[in-house]
Amino acid sequence: MNDTPYAFLVAVNNPVPVSGPRPPHLPPDAEMASTIRLTTARRPEDTPLARVHTPRTTQRWSRRAPVPFWIDDGRDGSPSCSVRPAAPDVHDVLAPDGTPLARITRRAGRLLPWPRRVRWSAQLTHPPRTVTGRSGTWYAWLVYVTTAPVWLLVALAVAVYSFFVGEPDDDTVARPTRTRWRAPGAGTVLDYRGVGKVYRVAPRHLDVRVAYALAVLHTWERGR
């Protein structure tokens, strides 16, 4: 992709065992959990930008039970990076040779004693700087909060409808999710738009391996 900004999405798959000879950097029980694709290439047969592998587990991924994962190039399967849990809501991104690329941290949001949005940050190693993004824009949250009574009525109606019809999954009352990761002197380097679930990265200002790691964690955290 050179330095040209481009848009991609994280496609979450049902875990698929690794086919063919297992690359040596993957564990014996590795399976493909997601793919990273251009927004213009959504067909299953299209070659993805990258493939995401995790160890096989019977538990659903969660922030309380994170697992390491590996991101490989979608064309030739060569390793791009690995992402390993370091602490609750903290992950280290490593190059194939083990060189640290970044540390990703998620800070939970809260309502009291004062409202605070979920914040994602990546402390980059080269060059040393921090990329930070907050979940939802301030004006989207302002509209969301001021219309809270309407949302509560809608949520109640959806809950009643789901109880009788049996369709509990509904995104009608989803919270604002747009997230812009910014870097000092570079502006927005990674932009997530919740409507299309699309990420747009500026490779000139952010290592795409770190961008992919952020996008995968951000996608899984919202509901794998």
Protein backbone atom coordinates (compact mmCIF):
# COMPACT_ATOMS: atom_id res chain seq x y z
CA MET A 1 0.00 0.00 0.00
CA ASN A 2 3.05 2.28 0.20
CA ASP A 3 2.21 5.52 2.02
CA THR A 4 -1.25 5.99 0.50
CA PRO A 5 -4.11 6.01 3.06
CA TYR A 6 -6.58 3.17 2.57
CA ALA A 7 -9.66 1.68 4.21
CA PHE A 8 -9.97 -1.83 5.59
CA LEU A 9 -12.24 -3.88 7.80
CA VAL A 10 -11.75 -6.74 10.25
CA ALA A 11 -13.85 -9.73 9.19
CA VAL A 12 -14.50 -11.98 12.19
CA ASN A 13 -14.75 -15.63 11.14
CA ASN A 14 -15.84 -18.79 12.80
CA PRO A 15 -12.43 -20.21 13.84
CA VAL A 16 -10.90 -22.23 11.00
CA PRO A 17 -7.96 -24.63 11.61
CA VAL A 18 -4.78 -23.67 9.82
CA SER A 19 -4.62 -25.54 6.51
CA GLY A 20 -1.50 -26.92 4.92
CA PRO A 21 1.90 -27.03 6.62
CA ARG A 22 1.80 -25.06 9.87
CA PRO A 23 4.18 -22.07 9.88
CA PRO A 24 6.81 -22.49 12.61
CA HIS A 25 5.83 -19.27 14.39
CA LEU A 26 2.29 -20.55 15.05
CA PRO A 27 1.34 -22.94 17.89
CA PRO A 28 0.26 -26.50 17.00
CA ASP A 29 -3.39 -25.71 17.75
CA ALA A 30 -3.50 -22.43 15.79
CA GLU A 31 -6.67 -21.45 13.99
CA MET A 32 -7.66 -18.48 11.86
CA ALA A 33 -9.97 -16.20 13.83
CA SER A 34 -10.24 -13.14 11.57
CA THR A 35 -9.09 -11.63 8.32
CA ILE A 36 -8.20 -8.04 7.49
CA ARG A 37 -9.57 -7.00 4.11
CA LEU A 38 -9.78 -4.01 1.84
CA THR A 39 -13.25 -2.53 1.81
CA THR A 40 -13.31 -3.12 -1.95
CA ALA A 41 -12.57 -6.85 -1.59
CA ARG A 42 -15.18 -8.42 0.66
CA ARG A 43 -15.70 -11.68 -1.23
CA PRO A 44 -14.40 -14.74 0.65
CA GLU A 45 -12.23 -15.74 -2.31
CA ASP A 46 -10.42 -12.38 -2.42
CA THR A 47 -6.92 -12.43 -0.93
CA PRO A 48 -7.00 -10.58 2.40
CA LEU A 49 -4.45 -8.04 3.50
CA ALA A 50 -3.69 -10.15 6.56
CA ARG A 51 -4.85 -13.20 8.51
CA VAL A 52 -5.24 -13.31 12.28
CA HIS A 53 -4.49 -16.57 14.13
CA THR A 54 -5.15 -17.52 17.73
CA PRO A 55 -4.58 -20.68 19.80
CA ARG A 56 -7.62 -22.95 19.85
CA THR A 57 -9.77 -22.37 22.90
CA THR A 58 -13.21 -23.40 24.09
CA GLN A 59 -13.79 -20.00 25.66
CA ARG A 60 -15.02 -16.94 23.84
CA TRP A 61 -12.41 -14.17 23.66
CA SER A 62 -12.97 -11.47 26.23
CA ARG A 63 -11.00 -8.71 27.92
CA ARG A 64 -10.93 -10.84 31.07
CA ALA A 65 -9.64 -13.88 29.19
CA PRO A 66 -7.39 -12.52 26.40
CA VAL A 67 -5.24 -14.74 24.25
CA PRO A 68 -2.17 -13.98 22.16
CA PHE A 69 -2.66 -13.71 18.42
CA TRP A 70 -0.50 -13.57 15.35
CA ILE A 71 -1.01 -11.43 12.25
CA ASP A 72 0.37 -12.86 9.00
CA ASP A 73 0.60 -11.34 5.54
CA GLY A 74 -2.42 -12.36 3.51
CA ARG A 75 -0.52 -12.95 0.28
CA ASP A 76 2.37 -15.19 1.26
CA GLY A 77 1.61 -16.06 4.87
CA SER A 78 4.80 -14.54 6.21
CA PRO A 79 4.61 -13.32 9.84
CA SER A 80 3.88 -9.61 10.29
CA CYS A 81 3.67 -9.33 14.06
CA SER A 82 2.42 -10.98 17.24
CA VAL A 83 0.24 -9.45 19.96
CA ARG A 84 0.55 -10.71 23.52
CA PRO A 85 -1.38 -9.79 26.68
CA ALA A 86 0.92 -8.07 29.19
CA ALA A 87 -1.65 -7.05 31.85
CA PRO A 88 -5.41 -6.43 32.03
CA ASP A 89 -6.29 -4.31 28.98
CA VAL A 90 -2.61 -4.07 28.00
CA HIS A 91 -1.08 -5.78 24.94
CA ASP A 92 2.42 -5.75 23.47
CA VAL A 93 2.89 -5.74 19.70
CA LEU A 94 6.10 -7.49 18.62
CA ALA A 95 7.85 -7.81 15.27
CA PRO A 96 8.60 -11.35 14.04
CA ASP A 97 12.09 -11.15 15.56
CA GLY A 98 10.68 -10.11 18.94
CA THR A 99 11.43 -6.40 18.63
CA PRO A 100 8.79 -4.33 20.49
CA LEU A 101 6.69 -2.23 18.13
CA ALA A 102 4.12 -0.79 20.51
CA ARG A 103 2.21 -1.26 23.74
CA ILE A 104 -1.56 -0.96 23.37
CA THR A 105 -3.62 0.08 26.39
CA ARG A 106 -7.36 0.34 26.84
CA ARG A 107 -8.75 2.57 29.58
CA ALA A 108 -12.37 1.84 30.47
CA GLY A 109 -15.02 4.53 30.28
CA ARG A 110 -17.21 5.58 33.17
CA LEU A 111 -20.14 7.78 34.03
CA LEU A 112 -19.30 8.87 37.61
CA PRO A 113 -17.82 10.87 39.24
CA TRP A 114 -17.58 12.48 35.81
CA PRO A 115 -18.17 11.04 32.32
CA ARG A 116 -15.15 9.55 30.61
CA ARG A 117 -15.02 7.84 27.23
CA VAL A 118 -13.19 4.58 26.55
CA ARG A 119 -9.66 5.47 25.50
CA TRP A 120 -7.32 3.40 23.34
CA SER A 121 -3.65 4.32 23.20
CA ALA A 122 -0.59 2.85 21.53
CA GLN A 123 2.84 3.76 22.85
CA LEU A 124 5.03 3.39 19.76
CA THR A 125 8.66 2.37 19.99
CA HIS A 126 10.00 3.80 16.72
CA PRO A 127 9.60 6.71 16.70
CA PRO A 128 8.74 7.02 20.41
CA ARG A 129 5.33 8.68 20.61
CA THR A 130 1.78 7.92 21.71
CA VAL A 131 -1.24 7.45 19.45
CA THR A 132 -4.53 8.00 21.26
CA GLY A 133 -8.19 7.52 20.34
CA ARG A 134 -11.42 7.94 22.31
CA SER A 135 -14.58 5.98 21.60
CA GLY A 136 -17.28 8.17 20.14
CA THR A 137 -17.04 11.84 19.25
CA TRP A 138 -18.02 14.39 21.90
CA TYR A 139 -20.90 15.73 19.83
CA ALA A 140 -22.26 12.19 19.21
CA TRP A 141 -22.19 11.55 22.95
CA LEU A 142 -23.89 14.88 23.58
CA VAL A 143 -26.75 13.93 21.28
CA TYR A 144 -26.87 10.42 22.75
CA VAL A 145 -27.10 11.68 26.34
CA THR A 146 -29.65 14.43 25.63
CA THR A 147 -31.90 11.90 23.87
CA ALA A 148 -31.42 9.25 26.58
CA PRO A 149 -35.16 9.08 27.50
CA VAL A 150 -36.00 8.15 23.92
CA TRP A 151 -33.27 5.51 23.83
CA LEU A 152 -34.57 4.01 27.08
CA LEU A 153 -38.05 3.68 25.63
CA VAL A 154 -36.63 2.11 22.46
CA ALA A 155 -34.51 -0.30 24.52
CA LEU A 156 -37.57 -1.33 26.53
CA ALA A 157 -39.58 -1.90 23.36
CA VAL A 158 -36.75 -3.96 21.85
CA ALA A 159 -36.46 -6.05 25.03
CA VAL A 160 -40.21 -6.78 25.03
CA TYR A 161 -40.16 -7.58 21.30
CA SER A 162 -37.15 -9.87 21.74
CA PHE A 163 -38.83 -11.69 24.65
CA PHE A 164 -41.82 -12.67 22.52
CA VAL A 165 -40.18 -13.04 19.10
CA GLY A 166 -36.84 -14.47 20.23
CA GLU A 167 -34.51 -12.12 18.37
CA PRO A 168 -32.37 -10.50 21.09
CA ASP A 169 -29.63 -9.12 18.86
CA ASP A 170 -30.34 -5.54 17.93
CA ASP A 171 -28.08 -2.53 17.46
CA THR A 172 -30.83 0.07 17.68
CA VAL A 173 -29.46 1.58 20.91
CA ALA A 174 -25.79 1.18 20.15
CA ARG A 175 -23.58 3.81 21.76
CA PRO A 176 -21.42 6.18 19.68
CA THR A 177 -18.40 4.24 18.48
CA ARG A 178 -16.48 6.40 16.01
CA THR A 179 -12.87 6.48 17.11
CA ARG A 180 -10.07 8.66 15.74
CA TRP A 181 -6.54 7.80 16.79
CA ARG A 182 -4.33 10.87 16.64
CA ALA A 183 -0.57 11.36 16.89
CA PRO A 184 1.24 14.60 17.78
CA GLY A 185 2.12 16.50 14.64
CA ALA A 186 0.38 14.03 12.34
CA GLY A 187 -3.33 14.41 13.10
CA THR A 188 -5.60 11.40 12.56
CA VAL A 189 -3.56 8.29 11.75
CA LEU A 190 -6.34 5.70 12.17
CA ASP A 191 -10.06 6.39 11.88
CA TYR A 192 -12.88 3.96 12.72
CA ARG A 193 -16.38 4.65 11.45
CA GLY A 194 -19.01 2.62 13.26
CA VAL A 195 -21.70 2.70 10.59
CA GLY A 196 -19.67 0.73 8.04
CA LYS A 197 -17.31 -0.80 10.64
CA VAL A 198 -14.45 0.47 8.49
CA TYR A 199 -10.96 1.59 9.52
CA ARG A 200 -8.91 4.08 7.52
CA VAL A 201 -5.18 4.13 8.13
CA ALA A 202 -2.44 6.57 7.14
CA PRO A 203 0.62 4.28 6.67
CA ARG A 204 2.94 7.26 6.43
CA HIS A 205 2.28 8.11 10.07
CA LEU A 206 1.40 4.74 11.65
CA ASP A 207 2.96 1.30 11.18
CA VAL A 208 0.22 -0.79 9.59
CA ARG A 209 1.10 -3.70 11.90
CA VAL A 210 0.19 -1.56 14.89
CA ALA A 211 -2.90 -0.30 13.06
CA TYR A 212 -4.04 -3.88 12.40
CA ALA A 213 -3.40 -4.88 16.02
CA LEU A 214 -5.42 -1.89 17.25
CA ALA A 215 -8.24 -2.69 14.83
CA VAL A 216 -8.39 -6.37 15.84
CA LEU A 217 -8.48 -5.59 19.57
CA HIS A 218 -11.00 -2.81 19.02
CA THR A 219 -13.23 -5.11 16.93
CA TRP A 220 -13.03 -8.02 19.36
CA GLU A 221 -13.70 -5.76 22.33
CA ARG A 222 -16.91 -4.55 20.68
CA GLY A 223 -18.08 -8.14 20.31
CA ARG A 224 -16.25 -10.93 18.59
